[in-house]
Amino acid sequence: MKGASFAWVLSAALAGTTFAGVAQAQENFVTIGTGGQTGVYYVAGQSICRFVNRNAEDLKCNAPASGGGVANVNGLRSGEFNFGIMQSDHQYKAMEGVAPFEKEGKMDDIRAVFSLQSEVFTVLARRDANIKGLDDLKGKRVNIGNPGSGQRDTLEEIMKVKGWDKSAFALAAELKPAEQASALGDNNIDAMTYFVGHPNGAIQEATTTVDAVLVPITGPEIDKLLADKTYYTKAEIPGGLYKGNDNATQSIGGKAVLSTTSKVDADVVYKLVKSVFENLERFQRLHPAFKDLKAEDMIKVGLSAPLHEGAERYYKERGWM
């Protein structure tokens, strides 16, 4: 009898293990590459996962901090990430296999899911550094951004049209976004750069701890860049968002885009998209940069790669396409 009981218990335990394994196999886990924890990418990824985890059946989502847009493209290539948030220009550059992705070649399987907030290339300088325009950055201590970040890639494009290299600066720091504000406040750098949606926590932190000004990114070379690189547009940072910066600041910008690859299952993408768009009003309240998001723009503006079939299926169901 004891042997029979033991056999029954063992059989039940093994069955429980099997059932647990089946349940685990039915649950998909997805990872979204974001950016630094002070940036809007991180909030966007966390917000998307919040709605996926609450609303998408058999789908679990996490959104760790990452090196930013370029790193997220590379994470999609390697399979580290299933989704990645990036600038619209990075989506285009990855698809076409141009710098900074020329070594890896064309990424034929990159797919767009939807666009998010508008982003602006932002330069914030200590007022005592007397930086009033782009040319005044020469000879200054500038954080050019960590390798793999959007600000680094965009600044390098600007430097190229200006005929500069890193030697143009007294110091070319490679700080991550979360490290910039304190470095500016501690007078370790004269200017910080960011390609980001506004308002932004790091810019707010910097402008409340040190007298700092937003620097306009304008001039004939910038006009040429805009003409040659259609993934950039003229943009501005509204006045009054940050202490000591009451007037609008002109610059260049683009859209943040959630991207994936054709390898990701269509049902997974469909569930993620549905979770966000059926809660769009709540999503808009999770960061000031999201407040003006409109579904009709998110499904087409800034999408420089083909839509993933799972996203397209949902948009057609809604009658948006």
C-alpha atoms as a PDB file:
ATOM      1  CA  MET A   1       0.000   0.000   0.000  1.00  0.00           C
ATOM      2  CA  LYS A   2       2.792   2.369   0.915  1.00  0.00           C
ATOM      3  CA  GLY A   3       4.471   1.640  -2.437  1.00  0.00           C
ATOM      4  CA  ALA A   4       1.224   2.306  -4.253  1.00  0.00           C
ATOM      5  CA  SER A   5       0.773   5.589  -2.379  1.00  0.00           C
ATOM      6  CA  PHE A   6       4.324   6.643  -3.180  1.00  0.00           C
ATOM      7  CA  ALA A   7       3.819   5.793  -6.838  1.00  0.00           C
ATOM      8  CA  TRP A   8       0.628   7.858  -6.905  1.00  0.00           C
ATOM      9  CA  VAL A   9       2.335  10.839  -5.243  1.00  0.00           C
ATOM     10  CA  LEU A  10       5.294  10.593  -7.622  1.00  0.00           C
ATOM     11  CA  SER A  11       2.947  10.341 -10.605  1.00  0.00           C
ATOM     12  CA  ALA A  12       0.986  13.388  -9.409  1.00  0.00           C
ATOM     13  CA  ALA A  13       4.208  15.355  -8.833  1.00  0.00           C
ATOM     14  CA  LEU A  14       5.456  14.543 -12.301  1.00  0.00           C
ATOM     15  CA  ALA A  15       2.097  15.475 -13.792  1.00  0.00           C
ATOM     16  CA  GLY A  16       2.220  18.786 -11.910  1.00  0.00           C
ATOM     17  CA  THR A  17       5.684  19.456 -13.318  1.00  0.00           C
ATOM     18  CA  THR A  18       4.440  18.670 -16.808  1.00  0.00           C
ATOM     19  CA  PHE A  19       1.404  20.940 -16.455  1.00  0.00           C
ATOM     20  CA  ALA A  20       3.621  23.740 -15.134  1.00  0.00           C
ATOM     21  CA  GLY A  21       5.951  23.257 -18.083  1.00  0.00           C
ATOM     22  CA  VAL A  22       3.051  23.450 -20.530  1.00  0.00           C
ATOM     23  CA  ALA A  23       1.738  26.603 -18.856  1.00  0.00           C
ATOM     24  CA  GLN A  24       5.184  28.170 -18.985  1.00  0.00           C
ATOM     25  CA  ALA A  25       5.592  27.246 -22.658  1.00  0.00           C
ATOM     26  CA  GLN A  26       2.269  28.926 -23.475  1.00  0.00           C
ATOM     27  CA  GLU A  27       3.396  32.194 -21.925  1.00  0.00           C
ATOM     28  CA  ASN A  28       5.515  34.464 -24.133  1.00  0.00           C
ATOM     29  CA  PHE A  29       8.138  36.692 -22.549  1.00  0.00           C
ATOM     30  CA  VAL A  30       9.154  39.817 -24.465  1.00  0.00           C
ATOM     31  CA  THR A  31      11.852  42.371 -23.725  1.00  0.00           C
ATOM     32  CA  ILE A  32      11.855  45.993 -24.890  1.00  0.00           C
ATOM     33  CA  GLY A  33      15.171  47.844 -25.180  1.00  0.00           C
ATOM     34  CA  THR A  34      14.729  51.385 -23.825  1.00  0.00           C
ATOM     35  CA  GLY A  35      17.402  53.896 -22.749  1.00  0.00           C
ATOM     36  CA  GLY A  36      18.801  55.554 -19.642  1.00  0.00           C
ATOM     37  CA  GLN A  37      16.523  55.708 -16.595  1.00  0.00           C
ATOM     38  CA  THR A  38      16.257  59.519 -16.740  1.00  0.00           C
ATOM     39  CA  GLY A  39      15.019  59.499 -20.340  1.00  0.00           C
ATOM     40  CA  VAL A  40      11.606  59.185 -21.983  1.00  0.00           C
ATOM     41  CA  TYR A  41      12.539  55.886 -23.720  1.00  0.00           C
ATOM     42  CA  TYR A  42      12.723  54.170 -20.353  1.00  0.00           C
ATOM     43  CA  VAL A  43       9.327  55.545 -19.293  1.00  0.00           C
ATOM     44  CA  ALA A  44       7.858  54.543 -22.677  1.00  0.00           C
ATOM     45  CA  GLY A  45       9.101  50.966 -22.405  1.00  0.00           C
ATOM     46  CA  GLN A  46       7.944  50.616 -18.810  1.00  0.00           C
ATOM     47  CA  SER A  47       4.551  52.078 -19.746  1.00  0.00           C
ATOM     48  CA  ILE A  48       4.081  49.709 -22.693  1.00  0.00           C
ATOM     49  CA  CYS A  49       4.943  46.743 -20.469  1.00  0.00           C
ATOM     50  CA  ARG A  50       2.525  47.984 -17.816  1.00  0.00           C
ATOM     51  CA  PHE A  51      -0.408  47.666 -20.212  1.00  0.00           C
ATOM     52  CA  VAL A  52       0.839  44.448 -21.796  1.00  0.00           C
ATOM     53  CA  ASN A  53       1.202  42.761 -18.416  1.00  0.00           C
ATOM     54  CA  ARG A  54      -2.271  43.859 -17.360  1.00  0.00           C
ATOM     55  CA  ASN A  55      -4.150  43.197 -20.574  1.00  0.00           C
ATOM     56  CA  ALA A  56      -2.372  40.779 -22.928  1.00  0.00           C
ATOM     57  CA  GLU A  57      -3.239  37.154 -22.284  1.00  0.00           C
ATOM     58  CA  ASP A  58      -0.225  34.815 -22.001  1.00  0.00           C
ATOM     59  CA  LEU A  59       2.247  37.654 -22.623  1.00  0.00           C
ATOM     60  CA  LYS A  60       4.757  38.991 -20.108  1.00  0.00           C
ATOM     61  CA  CYS A  61       6.854  42.076 -20.808  1.00  0.00           C
ATOM     62  CA  ASN A  62       9.914  43.701 -19.278  1.00  0.00           C
ATOM     63  CA  ALA A  63      11.732  46.867 -20.335  1.00  0.00           C
ATOM     64  CA  PRO A  64      15.240  47.207 -18.888  1.00  0.00           C
ATOM     65  CA  ALA A  65      17.386  50.313 -19.198  1.00  0.00           C
ATOM     66  CA  SER A  66      19.775  50.152 -22.149  1.00  0.00           C
ATOM     67  CA  GLY A  67      22.399  52.162 -24.008  1.00  0.00           C
ATOM     68  CA  GLY A  68      19.761  53.829 -26.197  1.00  0.00           C
ATOM     69  CA  GLY A  69      18.679  53.731 -29.837  1.00  0.00           C
ATOM     70  CA  VAL A  70      21.783  52.347 -31.550  1.00  0.00           C
ATOM     71  CA  ALA A  71      22.222  49.757 -28.801  1.00  0.00           C
ATOM     72  CA  ASN A  72      18.563  48.778 -29.223  1.00  0.00           C
ATOM     73  CA  VAL A  73      19.061  48.169 -32.955  1.00  0.00           C
ATOM     74  CA  ASN A  74      21.995  45.912 -32.134  1.00  0.00           C
ATOM     75  CA  GLY A  75      19.893  44.212 -29.448  1.00  0.00           C
ATOM     76  CA  LEU A  76      17.213  43.438 -32.032  1.00  0.00           C
ATOM     77  CA  ARG A  77      19.858  41.989 -34.355  1.00  0.00           C
ATOM     78  CA  SER A  78      21.334  39.752 -31.668  1.00  0.00           C
ATOM     79  CA  GLY A  79      17.984  38.664 -30.243  1.00  0.00           C
ATOM     80  CA  GLU A  80      18.680  40.268 -26.858  1.00  0.00           C
ATOM     81  CA  PHE A  81      15.541  42.384 -27.368  1.00  0.00           C
ATOM     82  CA  ASN A  82      12.256  41.516 -29.075  1.00  0.00           C
ATOM     83  CA  PHE A  83      11.374  45.204 -29.375  1.00  0.00           C
ATOM     84  CA  GLY A  84      13.449  48.368 -29.180  1.00  0.00           C
ATOM     85  CA  ILE A  85      12.732  52.088 -28.966  1.00  0.00           C
ATOM     86  CA  MET A  86      14.857  54.215 -31.260  1.00  0.00           C
ATOM     87  CA  GLN A  87      14.934  57.430 -33.224  1.00  0.00           C
ATOM     88  CA  SER A  88      13.193  57.292 -36.595  1.00  0.00           C
ATOM     89  CA  ASP A  89      16.550  57.933 -38.282  1.00  0.00           C
ATOM     90  CA  HIS A  90      18.089  54.885 -36.606  1.00  0.00           C
ATOM     91  CA  GLN A  91      15.281  52.719 -37.908  1.00  0.00           C
ATOM     92  CA  TYR A  92      16.027  54.015 -41.405  1.00  0.00           C
ATOM     93  CA  LYS A  93      19.814  53.668 -41.050  1.00  0.00           C
ATOM     94  CA  ALA A  94      19.532  50.110 -39.761  1.00  0.00           C
ATOM     95  CA  MET A  95      17.250  49.107 -42.631  1.00  0.00           C
ATOM     96  CA  GLU A  96      19.593  50.648 -45.203  1.00  0.00           C
ATOM     97  CA  GLY A  97      22.829  49.479 -43.539  1.00  0.00           C
ATOM     98  CA  VAL A  98      24.387  52.934 -43.359  1.00  0.00           C
ATOM     99  CA  ALA A  99      26.461  54.480 -40.547  1.00  0.00           C
ATOM    100  CA  PRO A 100      26.504  53.621 -37.723  1.00  0.00           C
ATOM    101  CA  PHE A 101      25.346  50.207 -39.001  1.00  0.00           C
ATOM    102  CA  GLU A 102      27.456  49.870 -42.142  1.00  0.00           C
ATOM    103  CA  LYS A 103      29.538  46.990 -40.747  1.00  0.00           C
ATOM    104  CA  GLU A 104      26.459  44.902 -39.992  1.00  0.00           C
ATOM    105  CA  GLY A 105      24.863  45.658 -43.353  1.00  0.00           C
ATOM    106  CA  LYS A 106      21.215  46.113 -44.266  1.00  0.00           C
ATOM    107  CA  MET A 107      18.710  44.948 -41.660  1.00  0.00           C
ATOM    108  CA  ASP A 108      16.036  43.658 -44.007  1.00  0.00           C
ATOM    109  CA  ASP A 109      13.904  42.223 -41.224  1.00  0.00           C
ATOM    110  CA  ILE A 110      13.467  45.391 -39.130  1.00  0.00           C
ATOM    111  CA  ARG A 111       9.816  46.333 -38.747  1.00  0.00           C
ATOM    112  CA  ALA A 112       7.958  49.351 -37.379  1.00  0.00           C
ATOM    113  CA  VAL A 113       5.283  48.935 -34.696  1.00  0.00           C
ATOM    114  CA  PHE A 114       4.248  52.528 -33.901  1.00  0.00           C
ATOM    115  CA  SER A 115       5.813  55.914 -33.284  1.00  0.00           C
ATOM    116  CA  LEU A 116       5.831  57.736 -29.980  1.00  0.00           C
ATOM    117  CA  GLN A 117       6.793  61.237 -28.864  1.00  0.00           C
ATOM    118  CA  SER A 118       8.610  63.841 -30.907  1.00  0.00           C
ATOM    119  CA  GLU A 119      12.261  64.193 -29.940  1.00  0.00           C
ATOM    120  CA  VAL A 120      14.599  67.135 -30.172  1.00  0.00           C
ATOM    121  CA  PHE A 121      18.395  67.236 -30.299  1.00  0.00           C
ATOM    122  CA  THR A 122      19.088  69.223 -27.152  1.00  0.00           C
ATOM    123  CA  VAL A 123      22.192  71.054 -25.979  1.00  0.00           C
ATOM    124  CA  LEU A 124      22.188  72.521 -22.473  1.00  0.00           C
ATOM    125  CA  ALA A 125      25.148  74.664 -21.405  1.00  0.00           C
ATOM    126  CA  ARG A 126      26.241  76.386 -18.230  1.00  0.00           C
ATOM    127  CA  ARG A 127      25.460  80.078 -18.604  1.00  0.00           C
ATOM    128  CA  ASP A 128      28.959  80.984 -17.446  1.00  0.00           C
ATOM    129  CA  ALA A 129      30.417  78.975 -20.374  1.00  0.00           C
ATOM    130  CA  ASN A 130      29.028  81.681 -22.711  1.00  0.00           C
ATOM    131  CA  ILE A 131      27.755  79.215 -25.322  1.00  0.00           C
ATOM    132  CA  LYS A 132      25.127  81.016 -27.378  1.00  0.00           C
ATOM    133  CA  GLY A 133      25.160  78.893 -30.545  1.00  0.00           C
ATOM    134  CA  LEU A 134      26.539  75.760 -32.131  1.00  0.00           C
ATOM    135  CA  ASP A 135      29.880  77.308 -33.086  1.00  0.00           C
ATOM    136  CA  ASP A 136      30.510  78.280 -29.449  1.00  0.00           C
ATOM    137  CA  LEU A 137      30.857  74.589 -28.532  1.00  0.00           C
ATOM    138  CA  LYS A 138      34.335  74.575 -30.092  1.00  0.00           C
ATOM    139  CA  GLY A 139      37.021  74.543 -27.454  1.00  0.00           C
ATOM    140  CA  LYS A 140      34.526  73.662 -24.692  1.00  0.00           C
ATOM    141  CA  ARG A 141      34.075  70.600 -22.493  1.00  0.00           C
ATOM    142  CA  VAL A 142      31.149  68.787 -24.113  1.00  0.00           C
ATOM    143  CA  ASN A 143      29.479  65.507 -23.277  1.00  0.00           C
ATOM    144  CA  ILE A 144      29.091  63.897 -26.697  1.00  0.00           C
ATOM    145  CA  GLY A 145      27.221  60.908 -25.223  1.00  0.00           C
ATOM    146  CA  ASN A 146      27.900  57.243 -24.684  1.00  0.00           C
ATOM    147  CA  PRO A 147      28.569  55.057 -27.743  1.00  0.00           C
ATOM    148  CA  GLY A 148      25.266  53.565 -28.878  1.00  0.00           C
ATOM    149  CA  SER A 149      23.179  56.554 -27.863  1.00  0.00           C
ATOM    150  CA  GLY A 150      21.020  58.707 -30.109  1.00  0.00           C
ATOM    151  CA  GLN A 151      22.647  61.939 -29.029  1.00  0.00           C
ATOM    152  CA  ARG A 152      26.090  60.590 -29.944  1.00  0.00           C
ATOM    153  CA  ASP A 153      25.001  59.518 -33.429  1.00  0.00           C
ATOM    154  CA  THR A 154      23.187  62.786 -34.164  1.00  0.00           C
ATOM    155  CA  LEU A 155      26.012  64.921 -32.811  1.00  0.00           C
ATOM    156  CA  GLU A 156      28.452  63.024 -35.030  1.00  0.00           C
ATOM    157  CA  GLU A 157      26.275  63.859 -38.048  1.00  0.00           C
ATOM    158  CA  ILE A 158      26.295  67.521 -37.010  1.00  0.00           C
ATOM    159  CA  MET A 159      30.053  67.419 -36.460  1.00  0.00           C
ATOM    160  CA  LYS A 160      30.496  65.946 -39.936  1.00  0.00           C
ATOM    161  CA  VAL A 161      28.656  68.810 -41.665  1.00  0.00           C
ATOM    162  CA  LYS A 162      30.613  71.269 -39.511  1.00  0.00           C
ATOM    163  CA  GLY A 163      33.929  69.621 -40.460  1.00  0.00           C
ATOM    164  CA  TRP A 164      34.703  68.844 -36.828  1.00  0.00           C
ATOM    165  CA  ASP A 165      36.072  65.822 -35.038  1.00  0.00           C
ATOM    166  CA  LYS A 166      36.425  65.243 -31.291  1.00  0.00           C
ATOM    167  CA  SER A 167      39.514  67.434 -31.216  1.00  0.00           C
ATOM    168  CA  ALA A 168      37.185  70.423 -31.744  1.00  0.00           C
ATOM    169  CA  PHE A 169      36.342  70.164 -28.034  1.00  0.00           C
ATOM    170  CA  ALA A 170      38.597  70.750 -25.042  1.00  0.00           C
ATOM    171  CA  LEU A 171      37.000  67.586 -23.629  1.00  0.00           C
ATOM    172  CA  ALA A 172      34.743  65.075 -25.408  1.00  0.00           C
ATOM    173  CA  ALA A 173      33.119  63.243 -22.492  1.00  0.00           C
ATOM    174  CA  GLU A 174      31.192  59.993 -23.063  1.00  0.00           C
ATOM    175  CA  LEU A 175      28.860  60.137 -20.087  1.00  0.00           C
ATOM    176  CA  LYS A 176      25.565  58.274 -20.019  1.00  0.00           C
ATOM    177  CA  PRO A 177      22.371  60.354 -19.882  1.00  0.00           C
ATOM    178  CA  ALA A 178      21.890  59.828 -16.135  1.00  0.00           C
ATOM    179  CA  GLU A 179      25.388  61.189 -15.421  1.00  0.00           C
ATOM    180  CA  GLN A 180      25.130  64.421 -17.372  1.00  0.00           C
ATOM    181  CA  ALA A 181      23.182  66.710 -15.052  1.00  0.00           C
ATOM    182  CA  SER A 182      25.487  66.203 -12.078  1.00  0.00           C
ATOM    183  CA  ALA A 183      28.570  66.656 -14.282  1.00  0.00           C
ATOM    184  CA  LEU A 184      27.184  69.979 -15.519  1.00  0.00           C
ATOM    185  CA  GLY A 185      26.305  71.065 -11.984  1.00  0.00           C
ATOM    186  CA  ASP A 186      29.747  70.066 -10.680  1.00  0.00           C
ATOM    187  CA  ASN A 187      31.408  72.093 -13.470  1.00  0.00           C
ATOM    188  CA  ASN A 188      33.042  69.011 -14.962  1.00  0.00           C
ATOM    189  CA  ILE A 189      31.553  69.805 -18.393  1.00  0.00           C
ATOM    190  CA  ASP A 190      30.388  73.020 -20.047  1.00  0.00           C
ATOM    191  CA  ALA A 191      27.584  71.477 -22.095  1.00  0.00           C
ATOM    192  CA  MET A 192      25.499  68.316 -22.208  1.00  0.00           C
ATOM    193  CA  THR A 193      23.722  66.842 -25.225  1.00  0.00           C
ATOM    194  CA  TYR A 194      20.552  64.759 -25.436  1.00  0.00           C
ATOM    195  CA  PHE A 195      18.185  63.575 -28.181  1.00  0.00           C
ATOM    196  CA  VAL A 196      15.016  63.378 -26.146  1.00  0.00           C
ATOM    197  CA  GLY A 197      11.366  64.205 -25.684  1.00  0.00           C
ATOM    198  CA  HIS A 198      10.419  67.182 -23.541  1.00  0.00           C
ATOM    199  CA  PRO A 199       9.971  67.884 -20.700  1.00  0.00           C
ATOM    200  CA  ASN A 200      12.860  65.716 -19.558  1.00  0.00           C
ATOM    201  CA  GLY A 201      13.934  64.871 -16.013  1.00  0.00           C
ATOM    202  CA  ALA A 202      17.680  65.224 -16.588  1.00  0.00           C
ATOM    203  CA  ILE A 203      17.253  68.698 -18.142  1.00  0.00           C
ATOM    204  CA  GLN A 204      14.967  69.711 -15.275  1.00  0.00           C
ATOM    205  CA  GLU A 205      17.519  68.472 -12.748  1.00  0.00           C
ATOM    206  CA  ALA A 206      20.351  70.359 -14.434  1.00  0.00           C
ATOM    207  CA  THR A 207      18.467  73.650 -14.769  1.00  0.00           C
ATOM    208  CA  THR A 208      17.427  73.602 -11.115  1.00  0.00           C
ATOM    209  CA  THR A 209      20.947  72.911  -9.809  1.00  0.00           C
ATOM    210  CA  VAL A 210      22.940  75.264 -12.056  1.00  0.00           C
ATOM    211  CA  ASP A 211      22.204  78.357 -14.135  1.00  0.00           C
ATOM    212  CA  ALA A 212      22.013  76.732 -17.576  1.00  0.00           C
ATOM    213  CA  VAL A 213      20.684  77.675 -21.008  1.00  0.00           C
ATOM    214  CA  LEU A 214      19.368  75.716 -23.977  1.00  0.00           C
ATOM    215  CA  VAL A 215      21.509  76.278 -27.073  1.00  0.00           C
ATOM    216  CA  PRO A 216      19.882  76.768 -30.510  1.00  0.00           C
ATOM    217  CA  ILE A 217      21.064  74.293 -33.158  1.00  0.00           C
ATOM    218  CA  THR A 218      20.794  76.389 -36.314  1.00  0.00           C
ATOM    219  CA  GLY A 219      22.864  77.705 -39.225  1.00  0.00           C
ATOM    220  CA  PRO A 220      23.607  76.963 -42.884  1.00  0.00           C
ATOM    221  CA  GLU A 221      25.261  73.615 -42.147  1.00  0.00           C
ATOM    222  CA  ILE A 222      22.177  72.524 -40.192  1.00  0.00           C
ATOM    223  CA  ASP A 223      19.969  73.596 -43.100  1.00  0.00           C
ATOM    224  CA  LYS A 224      22.117  71.421 -45.376  1.00  0.00           C
ATOM    225  CA  LEU A 225      21.811  68.489 -42.961  1.00  0.00           C
ATOM    226  CA  LEU A 226      18.020  68.855 -42.963  1.00  0.00           C
ATOM    227  CA  ALA A 227      17.975  68.955 -46.772  1.00  0.00           C
ATOM    228  CA  ASP A 228      20.200  65.888 -47.120  1.00  0.00           C
ATOM    229  CA  LYS A 229      18.804  63.752 -44.281  1.00  0.00           C
ATOM    230  CA  THR A 230      15.036  63.733 -44.595  1.00  0.00           C
ATOM    231  CA  TYR A 231      14.600  61.696 -41.402  1.00  0.00           C
ATOM    232  CA  TYR A 232      15.396  64.913 -39.500  1.00  0.00           C
ATOM    233  CA  THR A 233      12.975  67.835 -39.298  1.00  0.00           C
ATOM    234  CA  LYS A 234      13.088  71.322 -37.841  1.00  0.00           C
ATOM    235  CA  ALA A 235      12.002  71.221 -34.214  1.00  0.00           C
ATOM    236  CA  GLU A 236      11.823  73.436 -31.173  1.00  0.00           C
ATOM    237  CA  ILE A 237      11.829  73.124 -27.412  1.00  0.00           C
ATOM    238  CA  PRO A 238       8.943  75.236 -26.051  1.00  0.00           C
ATOM    239  CA  GLY A 239       9.782  78.109 -23.756  1.00  0.00           C
ATOM    240  CA  GLY A 240       8.931  77.894 -20.083  1.00  0.00           C
ATOM    241  CA  LEU A 241       9.558  74.187 -19.605  1.00  0.00           C
ATOM    242  CA  TYR A 242      12.796  74.727 -17.713  1.00  0.00           C
ATOM    243  CA  LYS A 243      14.009  77.272 -15.200  1.00  0.00           C
ATOM    244  CA  GLY A 244      15.804  80.204 -16.855  1.00  0.00           C
ATOM    245  CA  ASN A 245      14.676  79.252 -20.367  1.00  0.00           C
ATOM    246  CA  ASP A 246      11.566  81.288 -21.079  1.00  0.00           C
ATOM    247  CA  ASN A 247      11.874  81.434 -24.879  1.00  0.00           C
ATOM    248  CA  ALA A 248      11.521  78.639 -27.442  1.00  0.00           C
ATOM    249  CA  THR A 249      14.796  77.088 -28.654  1.00  0.00           C
ATOM    250  CA  GLN A 250      15.239  76.019 -32.284  1.00  0.00           C
ATOM    251  CA  SER A 251      16.866  72.692 -33.157  1.00  0.00           C
ATOM    252  CA  ILE A 252      16.352  69.518 -35.201  1.00  0.00           C
ATOM    253  CA  GLY A 253      14.333  66.464 -34.290  1.00  0.00           C
ATOM    254  CA  GLY A 254      12.493  63.331 -35.235  1.00  0.00           C
ATOM    255  CA  LYS A 255      10.185  60.710 -33.774  1.00  0.00           C
ATOM    256  CA  ALA A 256      10.805  57.955 -31.280  1.00  0.00           C
ATOM    257  CA  VAL A 257       9.716  54.642 -32.819  1.00  0.00           C
ATOM    258  CA  LEU A 258       8.984  51.238 -31.347  1.00  0.00           C
ATOM    259  CA  SER A 259      10.615  48.705 -33.663  1.00  0.00           C
ATOM    260  CA  THR A 260      10.815  44.934 -33.854  1.00  0.00           C
ATOM    261  CA  THR A 261      11.801  42.315 -36.428  1.00  0.00           C
ATOM    262  CA  SER A 262       9.855  40.030 -38.732  1.00  0.00           C
ATOM    263  CA  LYS A 263      11.027  37.094 -36.578  1.00  0.00           C
ATOM    264  CA  VAL A 264       8.718  38.151 -33.731  1.00  0.00           C
ATOM    265  CA  ASP A 265       5.406  36.300 -33.900  1.00  0.00           C
ATOM    266  CA  ALA A 266       2.514  38.297 -35.368  1.00  0.00           C
ATOM    267  CA  ASP A 267       0.215  37.379 -32.472  1.00  0.00           C
ATOM    268  CA  VAL A 268       2.727  38.745 -29.960  1.00  0.00           C
ATOM    269  CA  VAL A 269       2.993  42.067 -31.803  1.00  0.00           C
ATOM    270  CA  TYR A 270      -0.801  42.206 -32.215  1.00  0.00           C
ATOM    271  CA  LYS A 271      -1.351  41.707 -28.463  1.00  0.00           C
ATOM    272  CA  LEU A 272       1.231  44.352 -27.539  1.00  0.00           C
ATOM    273  CA  VAL A 273      -0.243  46.914 -29.955  1.00  0.00           C
ATOM    274  CA  LYS A 274      -3.797  46.198 -28.810  1.00  0.00           C
ATOM    275  CA  SER A 275      -2.782  46.603 -25.150  1.00  0.00           C
ATOM    276  CA  VAL A 276      -1.402  50.083 -25.836  1.00  0.00           C
ATOM    277  CA  PHE A 277      -4.040  51.475 -28.200  1.00  0.00           C
ATOM    278  CA  GLU A 278      -6.969  50.250 -26.120  1.00  0.00           C
ATOM    279  CA  ASN A 279      -5.469  52.162 -23.193  1.00  0.00           C
ATOM    280  CA  LEU A 280      -4.077  55.144 -25.114  1.00  0.00           C
ATOM    281  CA  GLU A 281      -5.674  57.808 -22.908  1.00  0.00           C
ATOM    282  CA  ARG A 282      -4.111  56.228 -19.822  1.00  0.00           C
ATOM    283  CA  PHE A 283      -0.809  55.874 -21.645  1.00  0.00           C
ATOM    284  CA  GLN A 284      -0.856  59.607 -22.469  1.00  0.00           C
ATOM    285  CA  ARG A 285      -1.032  60.439 -18.749  1.00  0.00           C
ATOM    286  CA  LEU A 286       2.130  58.520 -17.843  1.00  0.00           C
ATOM    287  CA  HIS A 287       4.548  61.228 -19.112  1.00  0.00           C
ATOM    288  CA  PRO A 288       4.045  64.816 -20.300  1.00  0.00           C
ATOM    289  CA  ALA A 289       5.823  63.936 -23.576  1.00  0.00           C
ATOM    290  CA  PHE A 290       2.972  61.510 -24.380  1.00  0.00           C
ATOM    291  CA  LYS A 291       0.059  63.896 -23.849  1.00  0.00           C
ATOM    292  CA  ASP A 292      -0.322  64.872 -27.518  1.00  0.00           C
ATOM    293  CA  LEU A 293      -0.008  61.365 -28.987  1.00  0.00           C
ATOM    294  CA  LYS A 294      -2.693  60.589 -31.556  1.00  0.00           C
ATOM    295  CA  ALA A 295      -3.383  57.125 -32.948  1.00  0.00           C
ATOM    296  CA  GLU A 296      -3.594  58.382 -36.538  1.00  0.00           C
ATOM    297  CA  ASP A 297      -0.056  59.804 -36.261  1.00  0.00           C
ATOM    298  CA  MET A 298       1.438  56.902 -34.317  1.00  0.00           C
ATOM    299  CA  ILE A 299       0.649  54.398 -37.085  1.00  0.00           C
ATOM    300  CA  LYS A 300       2.356  56.366 -39.881  1.00  0.00           C
ATOM    301  CA  VAL A 301       4.437  59.412 -38.834  1.00  0.00           C
ATOM    302  CA  GLY A 302       8.144  58.637 -38.452  1.00  0.00           C
ATOM    303  CA  LEU A 303       7.840  55.019 -39.558  1.00  0.00           C
ATOM    304  CA  SER A 304      10.800  54.556 -41.884  1.00  0.00           C
ATOM    305  CA  ALA A 305      10.525  50.736 -42.041  1.00  0.00           C
ATOM    306  CA  PRO A 306       7.610  48.510 -43.109  1.00  0.00           C
ATOM    307  CA  LEU A 307       4.931  47.830 -40.496  1.00  0.00           C
ATOM    308  CA  HIS A 308       5.048  44.455 -38.765  1.00  0.00           C
ATOM    309  CA  GLU A 309       2.180  42.246 -39.944  1.00  0.00           C
ATOM    310  CA  GLY A 310       0.851  41.910 -36.375  1.00  0.00           C
ATOM    311  CA  ALA A 311       0.609  45.683 -35.982  1.00  0.00           C
ATOM    312  CA  GLU A 312      -0.916  46.091 -39.427  1.00  0.00           C
ATOM    313  CA  ARG A 313      -3.571  43.479 -38.606  1.00  0.00           C
ATOM    314  CA  TYR A 314      -4.704  45.445 -35.552  1.00  0.00           C
ATOM    315  CA  TYR A 315      -4.734  48.790 -37.371  1.00  0.00           C
ATOM    316  CA  LYS A 316      -6.854  47.308 -40.178  1.00  0.00           C
ATOM    317  CA  GLU A 317      -9.264  45.826 -37.624  1.00  0.00           C
ATOM    318  CA  ARG A 318      -9.729  49.305 -36.180  1.00  0.00           C
ATOM    319  CA  GLY A 319     -10.396  50.726 -39.645  1.00  0.00           C
ATOM    320  CA  TRP A 320      -7.317  52.952 -39.504  1.00  0.00           C
ATOM    321  CA  MET A 321      -5.785  51.511 -42.667  1.00  0.00           C
END
